[in-house]
Protein backbone atom coordinates (compact mmCIF):
# COMPACT_ATOMS: atom_id res chain seq x y z
CA MET A 1 0.00 0.00 0.00
CA THR A 2 1.29 3.46 -0.86
CA ALA A 3 2.20 5.44 2.23
CA PRO A 4 0.09 8.60 2.77
CA ARG A 5 1.72 11.91 1.94
CA ASP A 6 3.11 13.67 4.99
CA ASP A 7 0.97 16.76 4.43
CA ILE A 8 -2.30 14.80 4.26
CA PRO A 9 -3.99 13.88 7.57
CA ARG A 10 -4.05 10.18 8.34
CA ALA A 11 -7.67 9.06 8.28
CA TYR A 12 -9.46 6.78 10.75
CA ALA A 13 -12.87 5.12 10.52
CA PHE A 14 -14.42 3.94 13.80
CA LEU A 15 -17.16 1.31 13.47
CA LEU A 16 -19.42 1.54 16.54
CA LEU A 17 -21.28 -1.61 17.60
CA PRO A 18 -24.17 -1.56 20.09
CA GLY A 19 -22.93 -1.80 23.67
CA PHE A 20 -19.52 -0.31 22.84
CA SER A 21 -17.40 1.36 25.51
CA PRO A 22 -17.58 5.18 25.26
CA LEU A 23 -14.41 5.43 27.36
CA SER A 24 -12.51 3.33 24.82
CA LEU A 25 -13.73 5.53 21.97
CA SER A 26 -13.05 8.77 23.83
CA CYS A 27 -9.51 7.78 24.80
CA ALA A 28 -8.72 6.90 21.18
CA LEU A 29 -10.31 10.01 19.69
CA ASP A 30 -8.71 12.38 22.19
CA CYS A 31 -5.26 11.24 21.10
CA LEU A 32 -6.07 12.10 17.48
CA SER A 33 -7.88 15.31 18.35
CA LEU A 34 -5.12 16.63 20.60
CA ALA A 35 -2.49 15.89 17.96
CA ASN A 36 -4.38 18.34 15.73
CA HIS A 37 -3.90 21.01 18.42
CA HIS A 38 -0.11 20.76 18.25
CA PRO A 39 1.60 24.20 18.16
CA SER A 40 2.81 23.43 14.64
CA GLY A 41 -0.73 24.16 13.47
CA ARG A 42 -0.72 21.04 11.34
CA ARG A 43 -3.76 18.79 11.07
CA PHE A 44 -2.34 15.31 11.61
CA TYR A 45 -5.56 13.25 11.67
CA SER A 46 -9.12 13.06 10.41
CA TRP A 47 -11.80 10.54 11.41
CA ARG A 48 -15.41 9.53 11.01
CA LEU A 49 -17.82 7.42 13.04
CA ILE A 50 -19.69 4.60 11.31
CA SER A 51 -22.69 2.53 12.33
CA GLU A 52 -24.41 -0.29 10.48
CA ASP A 53 -27.37 1.85 9.37
CA GLY A 54 -26.00 5.35 9.89
CA ALA A 55 -28.17 5.86 12.98
CA PRO A 56 -26.88 6.74 16.46
CA VAL A 57 -25.40 3.85 18.44
CA THR A 58 -26.15 3.21 22.11
CA ALA A 59 -23.16 2.42 24.33
CA TYR A 60 -23.27 -0.03 27.23
CA ASN A 61 -24.10 2.83 29.64
CA ASN A 62 -27.05 3.97 27.48
CA ILE A 63 -25.24 7.01 26.07
CA SER A 64 -26.12 7.42 22.40
CA ILE A 65 -23.44 8.56 19.94
CA ALA A 66 -24.31 9.92 16.50
CA ALA A 67 -22.67 8.31 13.48
CA ASP A 68 -21.40 10.21 10.46
CA THR A 69 -22.39 7.50 8.01
CA GLY A 70 -23.54 3.94 7.54
CA LEU A 71 -21.47 1.12 6.08
CA THR A 72 -19.88 3.25 3.41
CA GLU A 73 -16.91 2.50 1.18
CA LEU A 74 -13.57 3.33 2.78
CA ALA A 75 -10.45 4.71 1.16
CA ARG A 76 -7.37 2.49 0.99
CA ASN A 77 -5.43 4.84 3.25
CA GLU A 78 -8.03 4.85 6.04
CA THR A 79 -7.42 2.90 9.21
CA LEU A 80 -10.43 0.91 10.41
CA ILE A 81 -11.18 0.32 14.10
CA VAL A 82 -14.07 -1.79 15.47
CA CYS A 83 -15.35 -0.41 18.79
CA ALA A 84 -17.33 -2.89 20.88
CA GLY A 85 -18.05 -3.81 24.47
CA GLU A 86 -20.78 -5.93 26.00
CA ASN A 87 -22.08 -8.65 23.71
CA ALA A 88 -20.18 -7.77 20.56
CA GLY A 89 -21.82 -10.77 18.91
CA ARG A 90 -25.16 -8.97 18.83
CA GLY A 91 -23.76 -6.22 16.64
CA SER A 92 -21.70 -8.56 14.47
CA THR A 93 -24.41 -9.01 11.87
CA ARG A 94 -23.98 -10.54 8.44
CA ALA A 95 -23.96 -7.05 6.89
CA VAL A 96 -21.24 -5.83 9.28
CA LEU A 97 -19.05 -8.90 8.78
CA ASN A 98 -19.34 -8.80 5.00
CA TRP A 99 -18.49 -5.09 5.02
CA LEU A 100 -15.42 -5.71 7.18
CA ARG A 101 -14.21 -8.46 4.84
CA ARG A 102 -14.72 -6.31 1.76
CA GLU A 103 -13.08 -3.17 3.10
CA THR A 104 -10.05 -4.81 4.72
CA ARG A 105 -9.21 -6.52 1.42
CA LYS A 106 -8.02 -3.09 0.26
CA GLY A 107 -4.88 -3.54 2.35
CA MET A 108 -5.54 -0.97 5.08
CA ASP A 109 -4.49 -1.25 8.72
CA TYR A 110 -7.37 -2.42 10.88
CA GLY A 111 -7.97 -3.24 14.52
CA ALA A 112 -10.34 -3.35 17.45
CA LEU A 113 -10.96 -1.88 20.87
CA SER A 114 -12.10 -4.20 23.67
CA SER A 115 -14.35 -7.03 22.43
CA GLY A 116 -14.20 -5.78 18.84
CA THR A 117 -11.55 -8.49 18.59
CA TYR A 118 -14.43 -11.01 18.58
CA THR A 119 -16.06 -9.28 15.62
CA LEU A 120 -12.81 -9.36 13.64
CA ALA A 121 -12.54 -13.07 14.44
CA LEU A 122 -16.11 -13.74 13.27
CA ALA A 123 -15.21 -12.04 10.00
CA GLY A 124 -12.19 -14.35 9.65
CA LEU A 125 -9.71 -11.46 9.75
CA ILE A 126 -7.35 -12.40 12.59
CA GLY A 127 -6.69 -16.12 12.20
CA GLY A 128 -3.18 -16.94 13.43
CA LYS A 129 -2.65 -13.37 14.66
CA ARG A 130 -1.48 -12.23 18.09
CA VAL A 131 -4.41 -10.31 19.57
CA THR A 132 -5.77 -9.07 22.85
CA THR A 133 -9.09 -8.04 24.36
CA HIS A 134 -10.41 -6.86 27.72
CA TRP A 135 -9.30 -9.19 30.51
CA GLU A 136 -12.92 -9.92 31.48
CA TYR A 137 -13.50 -11.49 28.05
CA ARG A 138 -10.08 -13.03 27.50
CA THR A 139 -10.70 -16.48 29.04
CA ALA A 140 -13.96 -16.98 27.15
CA LEU A 141 -12.61 -15.75 23.83
CA ALA A 142 -9.48 -17.86 24.14
CA GLU A 143 -11.76 -20.91 24.27
CA MET A 144 -14.07 -19.69 21.51
CA LEU A 145 -11.30 -18.59 19.13
CA PRO A 146 -8.68 -21.36 19.02
CA ASP A 147 -7.20 -20.03 15.78
CA VAL A 148 -5.93 -16.78 17.31
CA ILE A 149 -3.09 -16.18 19.78
CA MET A 150 -4.71 -14.42 22.74
CA GLU A 151 -2.30 -12.24 24.72
CA ASP A 152 -2.83 -10.76 28.18
CA THR A 153 -1.43 -7.34 27.27
CA LEU A 154 -2.74 -3.79 26.93
CA TYR A 155 -2.56 -3.98 23.17
CA SER A 156 -1.12 -6.20 20.47
CA VAL A 157 0.26 -5.34 17.05
CA ASP A 158 0.74 -8.07 14.45
CA GLY A 159 1.49 -6.74 11.00
CA ARG A 160 -1.33 -4.47 9.88
CA VAL A 161 -3.64 -5.83 12.62
CA PHE A 162 -3.83 -4.19 16.04
CA THR A 163 -6.10 -4.96 18.98
CA CYS A 164 -6.54 -3.43 22.39
CA ALA A 165 -8.01 -4.15 25.82
CA GLY A 166 -10.13 -1.02 25.54
CA SER A 167 -10.91 1.55 28.25
CA ALA A 168 -7.77 3.51 29.18
CA ALA A 169 -5.60 1.08 27.21
CA SER A 170 -7.03 2.64 24.04
CA MET A 171 -4.96 5.69 24.90
CA ASP A 172 -1.78 3.61 25.12
CA LEU A 173 -2.49 2.05 21.74
CA MET A 174 -3.20 5.35 20.01
CA LEU A 175 -0.16 7.05 21.53
CA TYR A 176 1.86 4.17 20.12
CA ARG A 177 0.32 4.76 16.70
CA VAL A 178 0.93 8.53 16.89
CA GLN A 179 4.56 7.78 17.64
CA GLU A 180 4.76 5.36 14.71
CA ASP A 181 3.13 7.96 12.43
CA TYR A 182 4.91 11.14 13.44
CA GLY A 183 7.64 10.34 15.94
CA GLY A 184 8.20 10.50 19.68
CA ASP A 185 8.07 14.29 20.02
CA ILE A 186 4.48 14.53 18.78
CA ALA A 187 3.39 11.51 20.82
CA THR A 188 5.01 12.94 23.96
CA TRP A 189 3.29 16.28 23.42
CA VAL A 190 -0.09 14.54 23.11
CA ALA A 191 0.61 12.45 26.23
CA ASP A 192 1.45 15.62 28.16
CA GLN A 193 -1.85 17.18 27.09
CA LEU A 194 -3.61 14.09 28.38
CA VAL A 195 -1.68 14.39 31.67
CA TYR A 196 -0.48 10.89 30.90
CA ALA A 197 3.15 11.09 31.88
CA LEU A 198 4.05 7.42 31.46
CA PRO A 199 2.30 5.73 28.53
CA ARG A 200 2.40 2.00 29.13
CA PRO A 201 4.23 -0.28 26.68
CA GLN A 202 2.61 -2.97 24.56
CA THR A 203 3.85 -5.74 26.87
CA HIS A 204 2.30 -4.25 30.02
CA GLY A 205 -0.23 -6.53 31.73
CA GLN A 206 -3.86 -5.43 31.91
CA ARG A 207 -4.48 -5.64 35.64
CA MET A 208 -3.11 -6.54 39.05
CA SER A 209 -2.86 -10.27 38.62
CA LEU A 210 -2.10 -12.81 41.29
CA LEU A 211 1.54 -11.96 40.78
CA SER A 212 0.98 -8.37 41.92
CA ARG A 213 -0.84 -9.10 45.16
CA PRO A 214 0.81 -7.01 47.88
CA GLU A 215 0.50 -9.75 50.50
CA VAL A 216 2.65 -12.10 48.41
CA ARG A 217 6.35 -11.34 48.73
CA ASN A 218 8.03 -14.64 48.04
CA ALA A 219 9.49 -15.03 44.53
CA LYS A 220 9.15 -18.83 44.46
CA LEU A 221 5.52 -18.63 45.54
CA LEU A 222 4.81 -16.07 42.82
CA LEU A 223 6.40 -18.34 40.24
CA ALA A 224 4.34 -21.30 41.43
CA MET A 225 1.15 -19.23 41.15
CA GLN A 226 2.10 -18.18 37.64
CA ILE A 227 2.71 -21.79 36.63
CA MET A 228 -0.76 -22.67 37.91
CA GLU A 229 -2.38 -19.79 36.02
CA ASN A 230 -0.72 -20.94 32.80
CA ASN A 231 -1.76 -24.58 33.17
CA LEU A 232 -5.47 -24.67 33.97
CA GLU A 233 -6.60 -26.98 31.17
CA GLU A 234 -3.93 -29.59 31.91
CA PRO A 235 -3.21 -29.24 35.65
CA LEU A 236 0.22 -30.17 36.94
CA ARG A 237 0.88 -32.29 40.02
CA PRO A 238 1.98 -30.40 43.17
CA ASP A 239 5.36 -32.11 43.17
CA ASP A 240 5.94 -31.08 39.54
CA ILE A 241 5.19 -27.46 40.44
CA ALA A 242 7.46 -27.67 43.47
CA ASN A 243 10.28 -29.09 41.36
CA ALA A 244 9.81 -26.36 38.76
CA VAL A 245 10.37 -23.63 41.37
CA GLY A 246 13.19 -25.43 43.16
CA LEU A 247 11.33 -26.44 46.33
CA SER A 248 10.17 -29.62 47.98
CA THR A 249 6.44 -30.29 48.07
CA ARG A 250 6.43 -29.66 51.82
CA GLN A 251 8.19 -26.30 51.40
CA LEU A 252 5.67 -25.24 48.77
CA GLU A 253 2.79 -26.19 51.04
CA ARG A 254 4.27 -24.10 53.84
CA LEU A 255 4.56 -21.05 51.56
CA PHE A 256 0.91 -21.31 50.50
CA ALA A 257 -0.20 -21.73 54.10
CA ARG A 258 1.86 -18.75 55.29
CA TYR A 259 0.94 -16.23 52.59
CA LEU A 260 -2.44 -17.41 51.30
CA SER A 261 -3.86 -19.54 54.13
CA SER A 262 -4.45 -22.25 51.60
CA SER A 263 -2.86 -25.39 50.26
CA PRO A 264 -1.44 -25.54 46.70
CA LYS A 265 -4.09 -28.07 45.73
CA ARG A 266 -6.99 -25.97 47.05
CA PHE A 267 -5.63 -22.77 45.50
CA TYR A 268 -5.14 -24.47 42.12
CA LEU A 269 -8.66 -25.89 42.22
CA HIS A 270 -10.09 -22.42 42.90
CA LEU A 271 -8.33 -21.01 39.82
CA ARG A 272 -9.78 -23.75 37.63
CA LEU A 273 -13.28 -23.31 39.01
CA GLU A 274 -13.13 -19.53 38.51
CA LYS A 275 -12.26 -20.15 34.88
CA GLY A 276 -15.22 -22.51 34.65
CA ARG A 277 -17.64 -19.98 36.10
CA ASN A 278 -16.41 -17.35 33.66
CA LEU A 279 -16.95 -19.68 30.70
CA LEU A 280 -20.40 -20.74 31.88
CA ARG A 281 -21.54 -17.15 32.36
CA GLN A 282 -20.19 -15.76 29.09
CA THR A 283 -20.41 -18.57 26.53
CA ASP A 284 -22.79 -21.22 25.31
CA LEU A 285 -20.24 -24.00 25.79
CA THR A 286 -21.75 -27.11 27.36
CA VAL A 287 -20.98 -28.00 30.95
CA THR A 288 -19.02 -30.98 29.65
CA ASP A 289 -16.89 -28.74 27.39
CA VAL A 290 -16.27 -26.34 30.26
CA SER A 291 -15.22 -29.13 32.61
CA VAL A 292 -12.66 -30.33 30.04
CA ALA A 293 -11.39 -26.77 29.50
CA CYS A 294 -10.78 -26.52 33.24
CA GLY A 295 -8.84 -29.78 33.46
CA PHE A 296 -11.49 -32.08 34.96
CA GLN A 297 -11.53 -35.66 33.69
CA SER A 298 -14.91 -36.37 35.28
CA LEU A 299 -18.04 -34.27 34.78
CA SER A 300 -19.42 -35.45 38.10
CA HIS A 301 -16.24 -34.34 39.89
CA PHE A 302 -16.44 -30.92 38.24
CA SER A 303 -20.10 -30.55 39.24
CA LYS A 304 -19.41 -31.58 42.82
CA CYS A 305 -16.48 -29.17 43.20
CA TYR A 306 -18.41 -26.36 41.51
CA ARG A 307 -21.41 -26.73 43.79
CA ALA A 308 -19.15 -26.79 46.87
CA ALA A 309 -17.36 -23.62 45.75
CA PHE A 310 -20.26 -21.51 44.48
CA GLY A 311 -23.40 -22.99 46.04
CA ASN A 312 -25.17 -24.05 42.87
CA PRO A 313 -24.57 -26.63 40.14
CA PRO A 314 -22.82 -25.57 36.92
CA GLY A 315 -25.90 -26.43 34.87
CA ARG A 316 -27.89 -23.73 36.62
CA GLU A 317 -25.09 -21.21 36.11
CA ALA A 318 -25.11 -21.99 32.40
CA SER A 319 -28.88 -21.65 32.07
CA ASP A 320 -29.08 -18.45 34.12
CA GLY A 321 -26.06 -16.72 32.56
CA LYS A 322 -26.09 -14.16 29.75
CA VAL A 323 -24.41 -15.62 26.67
CA LEU A 324 -21.97 -13.07 25.27
CA TRP A 325 -19.96 -15.29 22.94
CA SER A 326 -21.48 -18.03 20.83
CA ALA A 327 -19.54 -21.08 19.69
CA ASP A 328 -21.75 -21.25 16.60
CA ALA A 329 -21.55 -17.56 15.68
CA ARG A 330 -19.18 -17.96 12.73
CA GLU A 331 -21.26 -20.77 11.26
CA GLU A 332 -24.46 -18.78 11.72
CA ARG A 333 -23.05 -15.86 9.77
């Protein structure tokens, strides 16, 4: 694709899906808007807001945002961003997905804020790519989208595809893009206007994970917890975890008792059950599929542990939960 001339503003098109995050959109737009207020007087960026039918779009907090146009034809030098939030599947209609496929074939950069990653996946546009999404959706989407590489970072860039956790992380992503477009001086000036003194790098984690808990100060315990987090579908034996961190099983048990008032086995089980509850509440995966995804070889054992932990059977959780991500969505569209 021919690079845009330096004196022509770089153009963005934001596709708004129902339930999108207005904070994600605002953080992204403010970076572009403030760049245009640079003392140089130059207009660095232009943008337009798009909805499926050209009508205003209601965000998850019931704020309605007017669109500039419907699913119009984009220019090759525009950058396309899908803005979504709660239940992106609802807004990922056949018309939207077909439009995304058609427009991205022009060779433009394209990406997503928050759960817009799911919409790009439904359109078949991020297979094999390194992507990210909001941490609340990450576990579910990792199960639903086995052909993408889901990262637990603020934003991911893989070739011409970029994705972002949304919310304030949209600002980190767009500051990165401003720097790539016009250099560090412009990006720093924009960050200063945002009173954002330390933009976070691409590799920064999204939230205070188990590894950042202030009550945990032992490096070997932190490593053991990380190993557990990374091996929920195929759980490791306690002695294997102990060996991996250079401790005996007894020493590892003492660390968990001292810092977490728990045993390694009980702590590990809780992580797996939390993953299960997340999947049951957000997806239409069967209870059997969820039990396998959480490393249980027996459905009855999973059900028994789940009831003991949360007070109700997993089947009730699945039937009562709001399905955000459908395993059949790509086939349906």
